[in-house]
């Protein structure tokens, strides 16, 4: 089995604790993405699994084997690095075959494995070339091929697409995901790019300061972020946050007020006990796609849409969709996502009415930063 278990992992460099009591169970055959900003501990976590760093405390299991103090070569893992780590003086064939030769495999087996990997990755025409004769995408596929022939229990990938241009990055991430699904190999993938995380991972672990802030499917992390950090990190553009006060609270609704706005929110049965939050300042979160700039974009369930007056700051076209930057009241800056054709008439400084979908908003406690309520009906 290729499952990976990290239990109560602590990693210190000197007096600095970079991984803080981290526990994580990666399922057999799962594609798990560690995502977060620079210095959050995601690459260190990957290096701990690989054995390139030693845990200060805790236990690391791969399959049914305790590998906490086992050297990297004996952990049955294959790693793909950010810089490809290819041998420049070797051909593509020899780069892929190198690890197999070290394991004393016979020539026929090596040749079969290399050619199978080359066919899978569409690099057979390049087998006799040197890495310097290849494009970045081709070199990345060679690095993947070298990992594939290992028949390892676990693939570890450390920002493997960061050196590619945008178009090639999209193409290669699709290839990696398709390959992983075909082979069913447990994969741990590190990235700072939340779009990569959302499109590739079966689950994502959002990290900050050496702590997993949320471990969930991409859909759950996006729709029901556990806290302010996850809400602001996942999604492009990020979730809008507006300072509000809970002015009224009853069994079915919560009324919030802020500078220049008032919204009555449905209070789902799944919401936490909120009696103690009445009269308190909160942060209301709403994603750009749940703010309509044009009335025609409002769904048939009009009862949950509530109007606000706003002023247009910037109109930012992005192909078929346009991001409209708006001011509400004195202090609230928000972004709405709209159909480009429908908002071409908007100009800087113009006043407009926008509509908020109150069926998809969240309330966060600014002190604990935790989400205390989501109005979406399918909250987990």
Foldseek 3Di string as FASTA:
>chain_A
DFKKWWAQFWADDVPRIQAGGDTDIFDQLFEEEEAEDPSQCQVVVLCQLQQVDATPDTWMDGPNDTCNPPHNVPNLEAEAEQVLPFDQVAFLLCRLLVVVVVVVDDPVLSVVLLVVLCVLLVNVVRRGPGPVPDDLLSSLSSSVSSRVSSPGQEYEYENNLPPDDPVSSVVVLVSVQVVSVVVSHHYYYYDHDLVSNLVRGCWYFYGGSNYGQDIGHSVCLAQPPFFDVSQPRHDVNGWFKDKWAFADDDDFWTWIDDAQDIDIAGAEPPFDDCPVRHGHIWIKTDHQAQKAQDPVPDDPPCPQKDKGKWFWADWADDPQKIWTWIDHHDDGIDIHIDGCVVCVPHDHGDMGMMIGRSQRMWIAHPVVRGTRGGNPHPND
